[in-house]
Amino acid sequence: MKIKATLALLLLAPLFLGAQNHTPKTPDDVVSLIKKNVTCDWLSETVDVYKVGNPQTPLKGIITCMFADMNTLKKAVDLGYNFIITHEPIFYSHLDGTETLQDDPVFKEKMDYIQKNKLVIFRFHDHIHMTQPDGISVGMINKLGLRPHSVDGSLTFFKLPEQTVKDYAQSLKSIFGMQSIRVIGNPELKFTNLAFLAGAPGGQRQIQMMRNPEVEVILAGEATEWETYLYANDAKELGKNKAVIFLGHIKSEEAGMEYCAEWLKTFVSGIPIHFIENEANFVTF
């Protein structure tokens, strides 16, 4: 399979090697260190900002997570940590707009809990993706054991030992401890060529990837059912060797925030740093 490499495999090492360790006293000190240690320029317009709390609060401990949901906040408080670095929004929209939530009981109680426990929450989304190599991709590839199967050092394209979609999906359930996993396409399809698309890049990007003749299976996060699902099902009915395995948004990126905690430890000292895994946000019957 001839696919141009995006990054050499050697770049799957930590985001920054040789960083000097510092002991921050406030969340603002931590963010300043993050800005110094990413490999990209810091954007003037970004979602990577403080979402709530006083950045000058004395620092007790750092939590990294995918979503700062109520379960995660409660675990942070139980641990005695007060600075939370989350990858995704905390107030139910990409920009965390709260104007329409002021009288919402869920928002009010969540905000009250945050303020009562003097928590500080910072979003780290754009720059962990922009830095080289993409920290979310590195964490996920490590978790999935895909590094040895990368095509020319790519963080997207992989060549696996031949197996069925069903067997690979079962192995993913075991890796992530999932109750169920969604497969669109023929479960008995034997494949070797895999593309990984984390999170929610959009149905059109996923469809474009399926059109790649050298991609048989996509390992994806989430998608709208009337785009990717419909295309993949039509491809199956037309006899195309295509399938999509959906991990869900959380599990398709979460290991990147576990990696983020380890990365922070390369330049932050004297402060405990802990990754909290999100519990499944739905149940299956």
C-alpha atoms as a PDB file:
ATOM      1  CA  MET A   1       0.000   0.000   0.000  1.00  0.00           C
ATOM      2  CA  LYS A   2       1.576   3.232  -1.156  1.00  0.00           C
ATOM      3  CA  ILE A   3       0.473   6.022   1.147  1.00  0.00           C
ATOM      4  CA  LYS A   4       2.696   8.995   1.808  1.00  0.00           C
ATOM      5  CA  ALA A   5       3.953   9.061   5.387  1.00  0.00           C
ATOM      6  CA  THR A   6       2.714  11.860   7.594  1.00  0.00           C
ATOM      7  CA  LEU A   7       5.219  11.367  10.389  1.00  0.00           C
ATOM      8  CA  ALA A   8       8.180   9.102  11.004  1.00  0.00           C
ATOM      9  CA  LEU A   9       7.639   6.411  13.618  1.00  0.00           C
ATOM     10  CA  LEU A  10      10.328   7.906  15.785  1.00  0.00           C
ATOM     11  CA  LEU A  11       8.005  10.858  16.375  1.00  0.00           C
ATOM     12  CA  LEU A  12       5.683   8.578  18.316  1.00  0.00           C
ATOM     13  CA  ALA A  13       7.873   9.371  21.313  1.00  0.00           C
ATOM     14  CA  PRO A  14       6.687  11.952  23.913  1.00  0.00           C
ATOM     15  CA  LEU A  15       5.571  15.300  22.523  1.00  0.00           C
ATOM     16  CA  PHE A  16       8.659  17.029  23.806  1.00  0.00           C
ATOM     17  CA  LEU A  17      11.916  15.473  24.917  1.00  0.00           C
ATOM     18  CA  GLY A  18      14.379  17.090  27.281  1.00  0.00           C
ATOM     19  CA  ALA A  19      11.887  19.416  28.962  1.00  0.00           C
ATOM     20  CA  GLN A  20      12.975  21.069  32.198  1.00  0.00           C
ATOM     21  CA  ASN A  21      10.799  20.237  35.178  1.00  0.00           C
ATOM     22  CA  HIS A  22       9.089  23.032  37.084  1.00  0.00           C
ATOM     23  CA  THR A  23       6.867  23.099  40.161  1.00  0.00           C
ATOM     24  CA  PRO A  24       3.821  25.254  39.332  1.00  0.00           C
ATOM     25  CA  LYS A  25       1.930  27.009  42.092  1.00  0.00           C
ATOM     26  CA  THR A  26      -1.280  27.817  40.211  1.00  0.00           C
ATOM     27  CA  PRO A  27      -3.261  26.505  37.233  1.00  0.00           C
ATOM     28  CA  ASP A  28      -2.010  29.540  35.323  1.00  0.00           C
ATOM     29  CA  ASP A  29       1.569  28.348  35.872  1.00  0.00           C
ATOM     30  CA  VAL A  30       0.631  24.956  34.406  1.00  0.00           C
ATOM     31  CA  VAL A  31      -0.968  26.509  31.327  1.00  0.00           C
ATOM     32  CA  SER A  32       2.092  28.695  30.811  1.00  0.00           C
ATOM     33  CA  LEU A  33       4.238  25.560  30.839  1.00  0.00           C
ATOM     34  CA  ILE A  34       1.891  23.829  28.404  1.00  0.00           C
ATOM     35  CA  LYS A  35       2.196  26.761  26.006  1.00  0.00           C
ATOM     36  CA  LYS A  36       5.985  26.508  26.180  1.00  0.00           C
ATOM     37  CA  ASN A  37       6.053  22.757  25.592  1.00  0.00           C
ATOM     38  CA  VAL A  38       3.664  22.261  22.687  1.00  0.00           C
ATOM     39  CA  THR A  39       5.431  22.257  19.333  1.00  0.00           C
ATOM     40  CA  CYS A  40       3.008  24.697  17.671  1.00  0.00           C
ATOM     41  CA  ASP A  41       2.297  28.408  18.016  1.00  0.00           C
ATOM     42  CA  TRP A  42      -0.545  29.236  20.398  1.00  0.00           C
ATOM     43  CA  LEU A  43      -3.638  30.424  18.525  1.00  0.00           C
ATOM     44  CA  SER A  44      -5.177  33.805  19.279  1.00  0.00           C
ATOM     45  CA  GLU A  45      -8.634  32.327  18.631  1.00  0.00           C
ATOM     46  CA  THR A  46      -9.053  28.922  20.243  1.00  0.00           C
ATOM     47  CA  VAL A  47     -11.332  26.879  22.488  1.00  0.00           C
ATOM     48  CA  ASP A  48      -8.279  26.145  24.649  1.00  0.00           C
ATOM     49  CA  VAL A  49      -9.150  28.579  27.442  1.00  0.00           C
ATOM     50  CA  TYR A  50     -10.254  28.531  31.061  1.00  0.00           C
ATOM     51  CA  LYS A  51     -13.900  27.504  31.187  1.00  0.00           C
ATOM     52  CA  VAL A  52     -14.542  28.189  34.847  1.00  0.00           C
ATOM     53  CA  GLY A  53     -12.609  28.980  38.020  1.00  0.00           C
ATOM     54  CA  ASN A  54      -9.826  31.301  39.116  1.00  0.00           C
ATOM     55  CA  PRO A  55      -6.518  30.526  37.346  1.00  0.00           C
ATOM     56  CA  GLN A  56      -4.621  31.938  40.349  1.00  0.00           C
ATOM     57  CA  THR A  57      -6.113  29.389  42.752  1.00  0.00           C
ATOM     58  CA  PRO A  58      -3.389  27.581  44.747  1.00  0.00           C
ATOM     59  CA  LEU A  59      -2.729  24.334  42.900  1.00  0.00           C
ATOM     60  CA  LYS A  60      -3.432  21.046  44.693  1.00  0.00           C
ATOM     61  CA  GLY A  61      -3.330  18.548  41.847  1.00  0.00           C
ATOM     62  CA  ILE A  62      -3.981  18.115  38.133  1.00  0.00           C
ATOM     63  CA  ILE A  63      -6.591  15.899  36.487  1.00  0.00           C
ATOM     64  CA  THR A  64      -6.669  15.124  32.766  1.00  0.00           C
ATOM     65  CA  CYS A  65      -9.818  13.743  31.194  1.00  0.00           C
ATOM     66  CA  MET A  66     -11.829  13.489  28.004  1.00  0.00           C
ATOM     67  CA  PHE A  67     -15.021  15.008  29.422  1.00  0.00           C
ATOM     68  CA  ALA A  68     -15.332  16.937  32.680  1.00  0.00           C
ATOM     69  CA  ASP A  69     -18.687  15.400  33.497  1.00  0.00           C
ATOM     70  CA  MET A  70     -20.130  15.215  37.005  1.00  0.00           C
ATOM     71  CA  ASN A  71     -18.620  11.785  37.714  1.00  0.00           C
ATOM     72  CA  THR A  72     -15.178  13.117  36.807  1.00  0.00           C
ATOM     73  CA  LEU A  73     -15.627  16.258  38.929  1.00  0.00           C
ATOM     74  CA  LYS A  74     -16.668  14.185  41.942  1.00  0.00           C
ATOM     75  CA  LYS A  75     -13.659  11.875  41.539  1.00  0.00           C
ATOM     76  CA  ALA A  76     -11.354  14.892  41.310  1.00  0.00           C
ATOM     77  CA  VAL A  77     -12.779  16.316  44.523  1.00  0.00           C
ATOM     78  CA  ASP A  78     -12.466  12.948  46.280  1.00  0.00           C
ATOM     79  CA  LEU A  79      -8.783  12.887  45.297  1.00  0.00           C
ATOM     80  CA  GLY A  80      -8.293  16.448  46.538  1.00  0.00           C
ATOM     81  CA  TYR A  81      -7.270  17.740  43.081  1.00  0.00           C
ATOM     82  CA  ASN A  82      -8.565  21.101  41.921  1.00  0.00           C
ATOM     83  CA  PHE A  83      -7.269  21.719  38.356  1.00  0.00           C
ATOM     84  CA  ILE A  84      -8.981  19.801  35.562  1.00  0.00           C
ATOM     85  CA  ILE A  85      -7.662  19.733  31.998  1.00  0.00           C
ATOM     86  CA  THR A  86     -10.415  18.436  29.729  1.00  0.00           C
ATOM     87  CA  HIS A  87     -10.293  17.704  26.014  1.00  0.00           C
ATOM     88  CA  GLU A  88     -13.937  18.411  25.238  1.00  0.00           C
ATOM     89  CA  PRO A  89     -16.553  20.989  26.336  1.00  0.00           C
ATOM     90  CA  ILE A  90     -18.107  20.951  29.794  1.00  0.00           C
ATOM     91  CA  PHE A  91     -21.364  22.805  29.086  1.00  0.00           C
ATOM     92  CA  TYR A  92     -22.837  20.851  26.177  1.00  0.00           C
ATOM     93  CA  SER A  93     -21.701  22.840  23.133  1.00  0.00           C
ATOM     94  CA  HIS A  94     -18.400  23.290  21.307  1.00  0.00           C
ATOM     95  CA  LEU A  95     -17.857  26.854  22.528  1.00  0.00           C
ATOM     96  CA  ASP A  96     -19.367  26.222  25.993  1.00  0.00           C
ATOM     97  CA  GLY A  97     -21.911  28.984  25.511  1.00  0.00           C
ATOM     98  CA  THR A  98     -23.975  29.319  28.700  1.00  0.00           C
ATOM     99  CA  GLU A  99     -26.297  32.208  27.857  1.00  0.00           C
ATOM    100  CA  THR A 100     -29.274  29.904  27.272  1.00  0.00           C
ATOM    101  CA  LEU A 101     -28.474  27.743  30.310  1.00  0.00           C
ATOM    102  CA  GLN A 102     -28.731  30.299  33.089  1.00  0.00           C
ATOM    103  CA  ASP A 103     -32.056  28.902  34.340  1.00  0.00           C
ATOM    104  CA  ASP A 104     -31.274  25.291  33.507  1.00  0.00           C
ATOM    105  CA  PRO A 105     -31.198  23.141  36.689  1.00  0.00           C
ATOM    106  CA  VAL A 106     -28.489  20.780  35.407  1.00  0.00           C
ATOM    107  CA  PHE A 107     -26.178  23.639  34.469  1.00  0.00           C
ATOM    108  CA  LYS A 108     -26.845  25.499  37.721  1.00  0.00           C
ATOM    109  CA  GLU A 109     -26.152  22.493  39.938  1.00  0.00           C
ATOM    110  CA  LYS A 110     -23.003  21.593  38.009  1.00  0.00           C
ATOM    111  CA  MET A 111     -21.729  25.167  38.233  1.00  0.00           C
ATOM    112  CA  ASP A 112     -22.594  25.326  41.931  1.00  0.00           C
ATOM    113  CA  TYR A 113     -20.585  22.143  42.521  1.00  0.00           C
ATOM    114  CA  ILE A 114     -17.591  23.545  40.631  1.00  0.00           C
ATOM    115  CA  GLN A 115     -17.680  26.830  42.534  1.00  0.00           C
ATOM    116  CA  LYS A 116     -18.307  25.232  45.921  1.00  0.00           C
ATOM    117  CA  ASN A 117     -15.228  23.036  45.504  1.00  0.00           C
ATOM    118  CA  LYS A 118     -13.124  25.830  43.963  1.00  0.00           C
ATOM    119  CA  LEU A 119     -12.355  23.823  40.845  1.00  0.00           C
ATOM    120  CA  VAL A 120     -10.564  25.318  37.849  1.00  0.00           C
ATOM    121  CA  ILE A 121     -11.266  23.830  34.423  1.00  0.00           C
ATOM    122  CA  PHE A 122      -9.180  24.400  31.288  1.00  0.00           C
ATOM    123  CA  ARG A 123      -9.902  22.977  27.868  1.00  0.00           C
ATOM    124  CA  PHE A 124      -6.990  21.479  25.930  1.00  0.00           C
ATOM    125  CA  HIS A 125      -8.272  20.552  22.503  1.00  0.00           C
ATOM    126  CA  ASP A 126      -6.833  22.498  19.577  1.00  0.00           C
ATOM    127  CA  HIS A 127      -3.183  22.531  20.559  1.00  0.00           C
ATOM    128  CA  ILE A 128      -2.802  18.910  21.626  1.00  0.00           C
ATOM    129  CA  HIS A 129      -4.069  18.057  18.132  1.00  0.00           C
ATOM    130  CA  MET A 130      -1.894  20.695  16.431  1.00  0.00           C
ATOM    131  CA  THR A 131       1.359  19.821  18.161  1.00  0.00           C
ATOM    132  CA  GLN A 132       3.633  17.348  16.366  1.00  0.00           C
ATOM    133  CA  PRO A 133       2.957  14.537  16.704  1.00  0.00           C
ATOM    134  CA  ASP A 134      -0.745  14.900  17.528  1.00  0.00           C
ATOM    135  CA  GLY A 135      -0.927  13.917  21.204  1.00  0.00           C
ATOM    136  CA  ILE A 136      -4.404  12.424  20.941  1.00  0.00           C
ATOM    137  CA  SER A 137      -3.344  10.224  18.032  1.00  0.00           C
ATOM    138  CA  VAL A 138      -0.181   9.114  19.834  1.00  0.00           C
ATOM    139  CA  GLY A 139      -2.116   8.080  22.940  1.00  0.00           C
ATOM    140  CA  MET A 140      -4.710   6.210  20.922  1.00  0.00           C
ATOM    141  CA  ILE A 141      -2.192   4.423  18.707  1.00  0.00           C
ATOM    142  CA  ASN A 142      -0.309   3.312  21.803  1.00  0.00           C
ATOM    143  CA  LYS A 143      -3.539   2.074  23.411  1.00  0.00           C
ATOM    144  CA  LEU A 144      -4.604   0.226  20.281  1.00  0.00           C
ATOM    145  CA  GLY A 145      -1.194  -1.346  19.742  1.00  0.00           C
ATOM    146  CA  LEU A 146      -1.115   0.017  16.195  1.00  0.00           C
ATOM    147  CA  ARG A 147       2.398   1.444  16.190  1.00  0.00           C
ATOM    148  CA  PRO A 148       4.077  -1.666  14.659  1.00  0.00           C
ATOM    149  CA  HIS A 149       1.464  -1.678  11.887  1.00  0.00           C
ATOM    150  CA  SER A 150       1.810   1.949  10.780  1.00  0.00           C
ATOM    151  CA  VAL A 151       2.241   2.446   7.030  1.00  0.00           C
ATOM    152  CA  ASP A 152       5.410   4.488   6.529  1.00  0.00           C
ATOM    153  CA  GLY A 153       5.032   6.171   9.923  1.00  0.00           C
ATOM    154  CA  SER A 154       1.455   7.348   9.320  1.00  0.00           C
ATOM    155  CA  LEU A 155      -0.830   8.164  12.233  1.00  0.00           C
ATOM    156  CA  THR A 156      -3.850   7.336  10.066  1.00  0.00           C
ATOM    157  CA  PHE A 157      -3.075   4.313   7.884  1.00  0.00           C
ATOM    158  CA  PHE A 158      -2.217   0.829   9.172  1.00  0.00           C
ATOM    159  CA  LYS A 159      -1.714  -2.647   7.709  1.00  0.00           C
ATOM    160  CA  LEU A 160      -2.836  -5.379  10.106  1.00  0.00           C
ATOM    161  CA  PRO A 161      -2.590  -9.155   9.978  1.00  0.00           C
ATOM    162  CA  GLU A 162      -5.584 -10.474   8.033  1.00  0.00           C
ATOM    163  CA  GLN A 163      -8.656 -10.931  10.208  1.00  0.00           C
ATOM    164  CA  THR A 164     -12.409 -10.461  10.057  1.00  0.00           C
ATOM    165  CA  VAL A 165     -14.139  -7.248  11.012  1.00  0.00           C
ATOM    166  CA  LYS A 166     -16.041  -9.181  13.679  1.00  0.00           C
ATOM    167  CA  ASP A 167     -12.877 -10.546  15.294  1.00  0.00           C
ATOM    168  CA  TYR A 168     -11.222  -7.139  15.289  1.00  0.00           C
ATOM    169  CA  ALA A 169     -14.326  -5.552  16.805  1.00  0.00           C
ATOM    170  CA  GLN A 170     -14.306  -8.170  19.556  1.00  0.00           C
ATOM    171  CA  SER A 171     -10.674  -7.371  20.351  1.00  0.00           C
ATOM    172  CA  LEU A 172     -11.555  -3.671  20.592  1.00  0.00           C
ATOM    173  CA  LYS A 173     -14.345  -4.442  23.060  1.00  0.00           C
ATOM    174  CA  SER A 174     -11.763  -6.154  25.244  1.00  0.00           C
ATOM    175  CA  ILE A 175      -9.204  -3.317  24.958  1.00  0.00           C
ATOM    176  CA  PHE A 176     -11.706  -0.653  25.969  1.00  0.00           C
ATOM    177  CA  GLY A 177     -13.986  -2.676  28.250  1.00  0.00           C
ATOM    178  CA  MET A 178     -17.016  -1.781  26.153  1.00  0.00           C
ATOM    179  CA  GLN A 179     -20.454  -3.375  26.490  1.00  0.00           C
ATOM    180  CA  SER A 180     -21.044  -3.187  22.759  1.00  0.00           C
ATOM    181  CA  ILE A 181     -19.515  -1.859  19.568  1.00  0.00           C
ATOM    182  CA  ARG A 182     -21.158  -0.708  16.338  1.00  0.00           C
ATOM    183  CA  VAL A 183     -20.138  -2.198  13.005  1.00  0.00           C
ATOM    184  CA  ILE A 184     -21.463  -0.990   9.667  1.00  0.00           C
ATOM    185  CA  GLY A 185     -20.663  -3.417   6.863  1.00  0.00           C
ATOM    186  CA  ASN A 186     -20.062  -7.141   6.587  1.00  0.00           C
ATOM    187  CA  PRO A 187     -18.804  -8.522   9.940  1.00  0.00           C
ATOM    188  CA  GLU A 188     -17.233 -11.487   8.116  1.00  0.00           C
ATOM    189  CA  LEU A 189     -15.207  -9.249   5.779  1.00  0.00           C
ATOM    190  CA  LYS A 190     -11.520 -10.211   5.894  1.00  0.00           C
ATOM    191  CA  PHE A 191      -9.278  -7.166   5.825  1.00  0.00           C
ATOM    192  CA  THR A 192      -5.757  -5.871   6.404  1.00  0.00           C
ATOM    193  CA  ASN A 193      -5.942  -2.167   5.499  1.00  0.00           C
ATOM    194  CA  LEU A 194      -7.231   0.058   8.311  1.00  0.00           C
ATOM    195  CA  ALA A 195      -7.663   3.829   8.618  1.00  0.00           C
ATOM    196  CA  PHE A 196      -8.092   5.502  12.004  1.00  0.00           C
ATOM    197  CA  LEU A 197     -10.258   8.632  12.275  1.00  0.00           C
ATOM    198  CA  ALA A 198     -10.774   9.697  15.872  1.00  0.00           C
ATOM    199  CA  GLY A 199     -13.531  11.841  17.336  1.00  0.00           C
ATOM    200  CA  ALA A 200     -16.079  13.502  15.080  1.00  0.00           C
ATOM    201  CA  PRO A 201     -14.334  14.743  11.909  1.00  0.00           C
ATOM    202  CA  GLY A 202     -17.647  14.775  10.028  1.00  0.00           C
ATOM    203  CA  GLY A 203     -19.475  12.335   7.815  1.00  0.00           C
ATOM    204  CA  GLN A 204     -18.082  13.737   4.583  1.00  0.00           C
ATOM    205  CA  ARG A 205     -14.499  13.177   5.701  1.00  0.00           C
ATOM    206  CA  GLN A 206     -15.342   9.623   6.724  1.00  0.00           C
ATOM    207  CA  ILE A 207     -17.051   8.977   3.384  1.00  0.00           C
ATOM    208  CA  GLN A 208     -14.059  10.402   1.543  1.00  0.00           C
ATOM    209  CA  MET A 209     -11.829   7.993   3.466  1.00  0.00           C
ATOM    210  CA  MET A 210     -14.065   5.062   2.483  1.00  0.00           C
ATOM    211  CA  ARG A 211     -13.644   6.078  -1.160  1.00  0.00           C
ATOM    212  CA  ASN A 212      -9.901   5.498  -0.829  1.00  0.00           C
ATOM    213  CA  PRO A 213      -9.319   2.221  -2.717  1.00  0.00           C
ATOM    214  CA  GLU A 214      -6.535   1.269  -0.301  1.00  0.00           C
ATOM    215  CA  VAL A 215      -8.777   1.494   2.799  1.00  0.00           C
ATOM    216  CA  GLU A 216     -11.001  -1.441   3.684  1.00  0.00           C
ATOM    217  CA  VAL A 217     -12.031  -0.653   7.254  1.00  0.00           C
ATOM    218  CA  ILE A 218     -12.279   2.621   9.119  1.00  0.00           C
ATOM    219  CA  LEU A 219     -11.928   2.727  12.898  1.00  0.00           C
ATOM    220  CA  ALA A 220     -13.989   5.795  13.762  1.00  0.00           C
ATOM    221  CA  GLY A 221     -15.346   7.790  16.662  1.00  0.00           C
ATOM    222  CA  GLU A 222     -18.868   8.937  15.918  1.00  0.00           C
ATOM    223  CA  ALA A 223     -20.946  10.052  12.944  1.00  0.00           C
ATOM    224  CA  THR A 224     -24.443  11.094  11.980  1.00  0.00           C
ATOM    225  CA  GLU A 225     -26.405   8.037  10.876  1.00  0.00           C
ATOM    226  CA  TRP A 226     -27.735   9.625   7.695  1.00  0.00           C
ATOM    227  CA  GLU A 227     -24.210  10.205   6.341  1.00  0.00           C
ATOM    228  CA  THR A 228     -21.518   7.637   7.140  1.00  0.00           C
ATOM    229  CA  TYR A 229     -23.904   4.879   8.239  1.00  0.00           C
ATOM    230  CA  LEU A 230     -26.002   5.173   5.090  1.00  0.00           C
ATOM    231  CA  TYR A 231     -22.981   5.263   2.767  1.00  0.00           C
ATOM    232  CA  ALA A 232     -21.334   2.265   4.436  1.00  0.00           C
ATOM    233  CA  ASN A 233     -24.538   0.213   4.349  1.00  0.00           C
ATOM    234  CA  ASP A 234     -25.067   1.029   0.672  1.00  0.00           C
ATOM    235  CA  ALA A 235     -21.456   0.064  -0.039  1.00  0.00           C
ATOM    236  CA  LYS A 236     -22.071  -3.280   1.668  1.00  0.00           C
ATOM    237  CA  GLU A 237     -25.235  -3.958  -0.351  1.00  0.00           C
ATOM    238  CA  LEU A 238     -23.342  -3.144  -3.552  1.00  0.00           C
ATOM    239  CA  GLY A 239     -20.664  -5.710  -2.734  1.00  0.00           C
ATOM    240  CA  LYS A 240     -17.890  -3.263  -1.825  1.00  0.00           C
ATOM    241  CA  ASN A 241     -15.240  -4.433   0.641  1.00  0.00           C
ATOM    242  CA  LYS A 242     -15.842  -1.619   3.085  1.00  0.00           C
ATOM    243  CA  ALA A 243     -16.766  -1.450   6.772  1.00  0.00           C
ATOM    244  CA  VAL A 244     -16.719   1.039   9.631  1.00  0.00           C
ATOM    245  CA  ILE A 245     -16.210   0.245  13.303  1.00  0.00           C
ATOM    246  CA  PHE A 246     -17.467   2.949  15.674  1.00  0.00           C
ATOM    247  CA  LEU A 247     -15.797   3.304  19.071  1.00  0.00           C
ATOM    248  CA  GLY A 248     -17.822   6.373  20.052  1.00  0.00           C
ATOM    249  CA  HIS A 249     -16.326   9.806  20.574  1.00  0.00           C
ATOM    250  CA  ILE A 250     -14.978   9.189  24.075  1.00  0.00           C
ATOM    251  CA  LYS A 251     -13.174   5.914  23.469  1.00  0.00           C
ATOM    252  CA  SER A 252     -11.763   7.054  20.122  1.00  0.00           C
ATOM    253  CA  GLU A 253      -9.788   9.895  21.752  1.00  0.00           C
ATOM    254  CA  GLU A 254      -9.668   9.300  25.507  1.00  0.00           C
ATOM    255  CA  ALA A 255      -6.294   7.529  25.571  1.00  0.00           C
ATOM    256  CA  GLY A 256      -4.847  10.765  24.210  1.00  0.00           C
ATOM    257  CA  MET A 257      -5.692  12.490  27.473  1.00  0.00           C
ATOM    258  CA  GLU A 258      -4.135   9.610  29.407  1.00  0.00           C
ATOM    259  CA  TYR A 259      -1.019  10.254  27.342  1.00  0.00           C
ATOM    260  CA  CYS A 260      -1.408  13.974  28.132  1.00  0.00           C
ATOM    261  CA  ALA A 261      -1.022  13.200  31.840  1.00  0.00           C
ATOM    262  CA  GLU A 262       2.249  11.389  31.154  1.00  0.00           C
ATOM    263  CA  TRP A 263       3.433  14.228  28.936  1.00  0.00           C
ATOM    264  CA  LEU A 264       2.703  16.790  31.657  1.00  0.00           C
ATOM    265  CA  LYS A 265       4.901  14.816  34.035  1.00  0.00           C
ATOM    266  CA  THR A 266       7.889  15.441  31.738  1.00  0.00           C
ATOM    267  CA  PHE A 267       7.911  19.142  32.667  1.00  0.00           C
ATOM    268  CA  VAL A 268       5.719  19.484  35.786  1.00  0.00           C
ATOM    269  CA  SER A 269       7.133  18.318  39.111  1.00  0.00           C
ATOM    270  CA  GLY A 270       6.056  18.495  42.736  1.00  0.00           C
ATOM    271  CA  ILE A 271       2.340  18.319  41.857  1.00  0.00           C
ATOM    272  CA  PRO A 272       0.299  15.091  41.538  1.00  0.00           C
ATOM    273  CA  ILE A 273      -1.102  14.449  38.070  1.00  0.00           C
ATOM    274  CA  HIS A 274      -3.830  11.874  37.490  1.00  0.00           C
ATOM    275  CA  PHE A 275      -5.880  10.740  34.481  1.00  0.00           C
ATOM    276  CA  ILE A 276      -9.562   9.964  35.079  1.00  0.00           C
ATOM    277  CA  GLU A 277     -11.309   7.683  32.600  1.00  0.00           C
ATOM    278  CA  ASN A 278     -14.870   8.607  31.695  1.00  0.00           C
ATOM    279  CA  GLU A 279     -17.532   6.052  32.436  1.00  0.00           C
ATOM    280  CA  ALA A 280     -19.739   4.999  29.521  1.00  0.00           C
ATOM    281  CA  ASN A 281     -22.404   7.642  28.933  1.00  0.00           C
ATOM    282  CA  PHE A 282     -25.051   5.100  27.943  1.00  0.00           C
ATOM    283  CA  VAL A 283     -26.034   1.515  28.676  1.00  0.00           C
ATOM    284  CA  THR A 284     -27.066  -1.236  26.278  1.00  0.00           C
ATOM    285  CA  PHE A 285     -29.703  -3.934  26.809  1.00  0.00           C
END
